[in-house]
Amino acid sequence: MPNMNAHTEKTLKKLNIHSVDDLIAKGEINTFIALLEKGFDVDESMLFKLHCAIRHKLIYTLTPKEKIALLTEANKALYEAGLRKRFRI
């Protein structure tokens, strides 16, 4: 998967995500929330990696505007899932 190393891919397999298609079906934010709920220590860079893997982009090509939009959406989803907001925007 793009932007993923072997450790990250192994972690995603624990969520039953074995391919980009599996990741697309689950979505980057839902995958991020599932990682948090499983107890993994993930940060914004993981969210960016997931987002870019779905869109077949390199993480370094994300614009600041895209990052802020993604973090805002993630904070909203975290709150709705009953978790605390993680990102300062």
N, C-alpha and C. Protein backbone atom coordinates (compact mmCIF):
# COMPACT_ATOMS: atom_id res chain seq x y z
N MET A 1 0.85 -1.18 0.00
CA MET A 1 0.00 0.00 0.00
C MET A 1 0.89 1.24 0.00
N PRO A 2 0.48 2.27 -0.70
CA PRO A 2 1.28 3.49 -0.73
C PRO A 2 1.37 4.12 0.67
N ASN A 3 2.49 4.70 0.99
CA ASN A 3 2.76 5.40 2.25
C ASN A 3 2.81 4.47 3.46
N MET A 4 2.79 3.17 3.25
CA MET A 4 2.75 2.24 4.36
C MET A 4 4.04 1.42 4.41
N ASN A 5 4.57 1.29 5.61
CA ASN A 5 5.70 0.38 5.79
C ASN A 5 5.15 -0.96 6.29
N ALA A 6 6.03 -1.92 6.48
CA ALA A 6 5.60 -3.27 6.87
C ALA A 6 4.90 -3.25 8.23
N HIS A 7 5.39 -2.43 9.15
CA HIS A 7 4.78 -2.35 10.48
C HIS A 7 3.35 -1.82 10.40
N THR A 8 3.14 -0.80 9.61
CA THR A 8 1.80 -0.22 9.45
C THR A 8 0.86 -1.22 8.78
N GLU A 9 1.35 -1.91 7.77
CA GLU A 9 0.51 -2.91 7.11
C GLU A 9 0.14 -4.03 8.07
N LYS A 10 1.07 -4.43 8.91
CA LYS A 10 0.80 -5.48 9.91
C LYS A 10 -0.27 -5.01 10.90
N THR A 11 -0.17 -3.75 11.30
CA THR A 11 -1.16 -3.17 12.21
C THR A 11 -2.54 -3.16 11.57
N LEU A 12 -2.61 -2.78 10.30
CA LEU A 12 -3.90 -2.74 9.60
C LEU A 12 -4.49 -4.14 9.42
N LYS A 13 -3.64 -5.14 9.28
CA LYS A 13 -4.14 -6.51 9.15
C LYS A 13 -4.87 -6.95 10.42
N LYS A 14 -4.50 -6.37 11.56
CA LYS A 14 -5.19 -6.69 12.81
C LYS A 14 -6.62 -6.15 12.80
N LEU A 15 -6.90 -5.21 11.90
CA LEU A 15 -8.25 -4.68 11.72
C LEU A 15 -8.94 -5.32 10.52
N ASN A 16 -8.31 -6.39 10.00
CA ASN A 16 -8.83 -7.10 8.83
C ASN A 16 -8.79 -6.23 7.57
N ILE A 17 -7.78 -5.40 7.47
CA ILE A 17 -7.55 -4.58 6.28
C ILE A 17 -6.29 -5.11 5.61
N HIS A 18 -6.48 -5.78 4.46
CA HIS A 18 -5.36 -6.45 3.78
C HIS A 18 -4.98 -5.79 2.46
N SER A 19 -5.78 -4.86 1.99
CA SER A 19 -5.51 -4.22 0.70
C SER A 19 -6.06 -2.80 0.71
N VAL A 20 -5.72 -2.08 -0.33
CA VAL A 20 -6.23 -0.72 -0.48
C VAL A 20 -7.75 -0.74 -0.62
N ASP A 21 -8.27 -1.76 -1.28
CA ASP A 21 -9.73 -1.87 -1.45
C ASP A 21 -10.41 -2.02 -0.09
N ASP A 22 -9.82 -2.81 0.81
CA ASP A 22 -10.37 -2.95 2.16
C ASP A 22 -10.34 -1.61 2.89
N LEU A 23 -9.24 -0.89 2.70
CA LEU A 23 -9.09 0.42 3.35
C LEU A 23 -10.11 1.41 2.79
N ILE A 24 -10.32 1.39 1.50
CA ILE A 24 -11.30 2.27 0.87
C ILE A 24 -12.70 1.97 1.40
N ALA A 25 -13.02 0.68 1.53
CA ALA A 25 -14.34 0.29 2.02
C ALA A 25 -14.57 0.78 3.45
N LYS A 26 -13.54 0.75 4.28
CA LYS A 26 -13.69 1.17 5.68
C LYS A 26 -13.58 2.69 5.82
N GLY A 27 -12.72 3.31 5.01
CA GLY A 27 -12.51 4.75 5.09
C GLY A 27 -11.39 5.09 6.05
N GLU A 28 -10.70 6.18 5.77
CA GLU A 28 -9.53 6.54 6.57
C GLU A 28 -9.89 6.95 8.00
N ILE A 29 -10.98 7.67 8.16
CA ILE A 29 -11.34 8.13 9.51
C ILE A 29 -11.87 6.99 10.36
N ASN A 30 -12.69 6.12 9.78
CA ASN A 30 -13.18 4.97 10.53
C ASN A 30 -12.04 4.02 10.90
N THR A 31 -11.06 3.88 10.01
CA THR A 31 -9.89 3.06 10.31
C THR A 31 -9.09 3.69 11.44
N PHE A 32 -8.91 4.99 11.39
CA PHE A 32 -8.19 5.71 12.44
C PHE A 32 -8.87 5.52 13.80
N ILE A 33 -10.19 5.65 13.82
CA ILE A 33 -10.95 5.47 15.06
C ILE A 33 -10.83 4.03 15.56
N ALA A 34 -10.89 3.07 14.64
CA ALA A 34 -10.76 1.66 15.03
C ALA A 34 -9.39 1.39 15.64
N LEU A 35 -8.35 2.01 15.09
CA LEU A 35 -7.00 1.85 15.66
C LEU A 35 -6.95 2.40 17.08
N LEU A 36 -7.56 3.56 17.29
CA LEU A 36 -7.59 4.14 18.64
C LEU A 36 -8.35 3.24 19.61
N GLU A 37 -9.48 2.71 19.16
CA GLU A 37 -10.29 1.85 20.02
C GLU A 37 -9.58 0.55 20.35
N LYS A 38 -8.70 0.07 19.46
CA LYS A 38 -7.93 -1.14 19.72
C LYS A 38 -6.72 -0.87 20.62
N GLY A 39 -6.46 0.42 20.91
CA GLY A 39 -5.38 0.76 21.81
C GLY A 39 -4.07 1.14 21.15
N PHE A 40 -4.07 1.30 19.85
CA PHE A 40 -2.85 1.70 19.15
C PHE A 40 -2.62 3.19 19.36
N ASP A 41 -1.38 3.57 19.50
CA ASP A 41 -1.01 4.98 19.68
C ASP A 41 -0.76 5.58 18.30
N VAL A 42 -1.79 6.20 17.75
CA VAL A 42 -1.69 6.78 16.41
C VAL A 42 -1.83 8.30 16.50
N ASP A 43 -1.25 8.97 15.53
CA ASP A 43 -1.29 10.42 15.52
C ASP A 43 -1.75 10.91 14.14
N GLU A 44 -1.63 12.21 13.94
CA GLU A 44 -2.13 12.79 12.69
C GLU A 44 -1.39 12.26 11.47
N SER A 45 -0.13 11.90 11.60
CA SER A 45 0.59 11.38 10.44
C SER A 45 -0.02 10.07 9.96
N MET A 46 -0.52 9.24 10.88
CA MET A 46 -1.19 8.00 10.48
C MET A 46 -2.47 8.32 9.71
N LEU A 47 -3.20 9.30 10.18
CA LEU A 47 -4.42 9.71 9.47
C LEU A 47 -4.08 10.19 8.07
N PHE A 48 -3.02 10.97 7.94
CA PHE A 48 -2.59 11.45 6.62
C PHE A 48 -2.17 10.28 5.72
N LYS A 49 -1.46 9.30 6.29
CA LYS A 49 -1.03 8.14 5.51
C LYS A 49 -2.24 7.35 5.00
N LEU A 50 -3.21 7.15 5.86
CA LEU A 50 -4.42 6.43 5.46
C LEU A 50 -5.15 7.18 4.36
N HIS A 51 -5.29 8.47 4.54
CA HIS A 51 -5.98 9.32 3.56
C HIS A 51 -5.28 9.24 2.20
N CYS A 52 -3.98 9.36 2.22
CA CYS A 52 -3.21 9.35 0.96
C CYS A 52 -3.18 7.96 0.33
N ALA A 53 -3.17 6.91 1.13
CA ALA A 53 -3.19 5.55 0.57
C ALA A 53 -4.47 5.32 -0.22
N ILE A 54 -5.58 5.81 0.30
CA ILE A 54 -6.85 5.67 -0.39
C ILE A 54 -6.85 6.42 -1.71
N ARG A 55 -6.23 7.57 -1.73
CA ARG A 55 -6.23 8.42 -2.92
C ARG A 55 -5.00 8.24 -3.81
N HIS A 56 -4.16 7.26 -3.47
CA HIS A 56 -2.96 6.96 -4.25
C HIS A 56 -2.07 8.19 -4.41
N LYS A 57 -1.85 8.88 -3.29
CA LYS A 57 -1.01 10.07 -3.27
C LYS A 57 0.13 9.85 -2.28
N LEU A 58 1.16 10.65 -2.42
CA LEU A 58 2.21 10.66 -1.41
C LEU A 58 1.81 11.61 -0.30
N ILE A 59 2.18 11.27 0.91
CA ILE A 59 1.78 12.07 2.07
C ILE A 59 2.31 13.50 1.97
N TYR A 60 3.44 13.66 1.32
CA TYR A 60 4.07 14.98 1.24
C TYR A 60 3.38 15.91 0.24
N THR A 61 2.41 15.39 -0.50
CA THR A 61 1.71 16.24 -1.47
C THR A 61 0.44 16.84 -0.90
N LEU A 62 0.11 16.52 0.35
CA LEU A 62 -1.07 17.12 0.98
C LEU A 62 -0.83 18.60 1.24
N THR A 63 -1.78 19.41 0.87
CA THR A 63 -1.67 20.84 1.13
C THR A 63 -2.11 21.12 2.57
N PRO A 64 -1.69 22.25 3.14
CA PRO A 64 -2.15 22.60 4.49
C PRO A 64 -3.68 22.69 4.58
N LYS A 65 -4.32 23.14 3.53
CA LYS A 65 -5.78 23.24 3.52
C LYS A 65 -6.41 21.85 3.60
N GLU A 66 -5.86 20.88 2.85
CA GLU A 66 -6.37 19.50 2.90
C GLU A 66 -6.16 18.89 4.29
N LYS A 67 -5.01 19.17 4.88
CA LYS A 67 -4.72 18.64 6.21
C LYS A 67 -5.71 19.17 7.25
N ILE A 68 -5.97 20.46 7.20
CA ILE A 68 -6.90 21.07 8.16
C ILE A 68 -8.30 20.50 7.98
N ALA A 69 -8.73 20.34 6.73
CA ALA A 69 -10.07 19.79 6.47
C ALA A 69 -10.16 18.36 7.00
N LEU A 70 -9.13 17.57 6.80
CA LEU A 70 -9.12 16.18 7.26
C LEU A 70 -9.11 16.11 8.78
N LEU A 71 -8.31 16.95 9.42
CA LEU A 71 -8.26 16.95 10.88
C LEU A 71 -9.58 17.41 11.49
N THR A 72 -10.21 18.39 10.87
CA THR A 72 -11.51 18.87 11.34
C THR A 72 -12.55 17.76 11.23
N GLU A 73 -12.57 17.07 10.11
CA GLU A 73 -13.51 15.97 9.91
C GLU A 73 -13.24 14.84 10.91
N ALA A 74 -11.96 14.56 11.16
CA ALA A 74 -11.60 13.51 12.11
C ALA A 74 -12.03 13.88 13.53
N ASN A 75 -11.83 15.12 13.93
CA ASN A 75 -12.25 15.55 15.26
C ASN A 75 -13.76 15.38 15.43
N LYS A 76 -14.51 15.72 14.40
CA LYS A 76 -15.97 15.57 14.47
C LYS A 76 -16.35 14.10 14.61
N ALA A 77 -15.71 13.23 13.82
CA ALA A 77 -16.00 11.80 13.88
C ALA A 77 -15.59 11.20 15.22
N LEU A 78 -14.48 11.65 15.77
CA LEU A 78 -14.04 11.18 17.09
C LEU A 78 -15.06 11.56 18.15
N TYR A 79 -15.54 12.78 18.10
CA TYR A 79 -16.53 13.25 19.07
C TYR A 79 -17.82 12.43 18.96
N GLU A 80 -18.25 12.17 17.73
CA GLU A 80 -19.46 11.39 17.51
C GLU A 80 -19.31 9.94 17.96
N ALA A 81 -18.06 9.45 17.94
CA ALA A 81 -17.79 8.06 18.38
C ALA A 81 -17.62 7.98 19.90
N GLY A 82 -17.72 9.12 20.57
CA GLY A 82 -17.60 9.12 22.02
C GLY A 82 -16.16 9.23 22.51
N LEU A 83 -15.25 9.60 21.61
CA LEU A 83 -13.85 9.78 21.97
C LEU A 83 -13.53 11.27 22.02
N ARG A 84 -12.46 11.58 22.72
CA ARG A 84 -12.10 13.00 22.80
C ARG A 84 -11.45 13.45 21.49
N LYS A 85 -11.61 14.73 21.21
CA LYS A 85 -10.97 15.31 20.03
C LYS A 85 -9.47 15.28 20.26
N ARG A 86 -8.71 14.98 19.22
CA ARG A 86 -7.27 14.81 19.35
C ARG A 86 -6.45 15.92 18.73
N PHE A 87 -7.04 16.68 17.82
CA PHE A 87 -6.25 17.60 17.02
C PHE A 87 -6.61 19.05 17.30
N ARG A 88 -5.60 19.86 17.49
CA ARG A 88 -5.80 21.31 17.60
C ARG A 88 -5.68 21.91 16.22
N ILE A 89 -6.67 22.69 15.89
CA ILE A 89 -6.68 23.28 14.55
C ILE A 89 -6.75 24.79 14.67
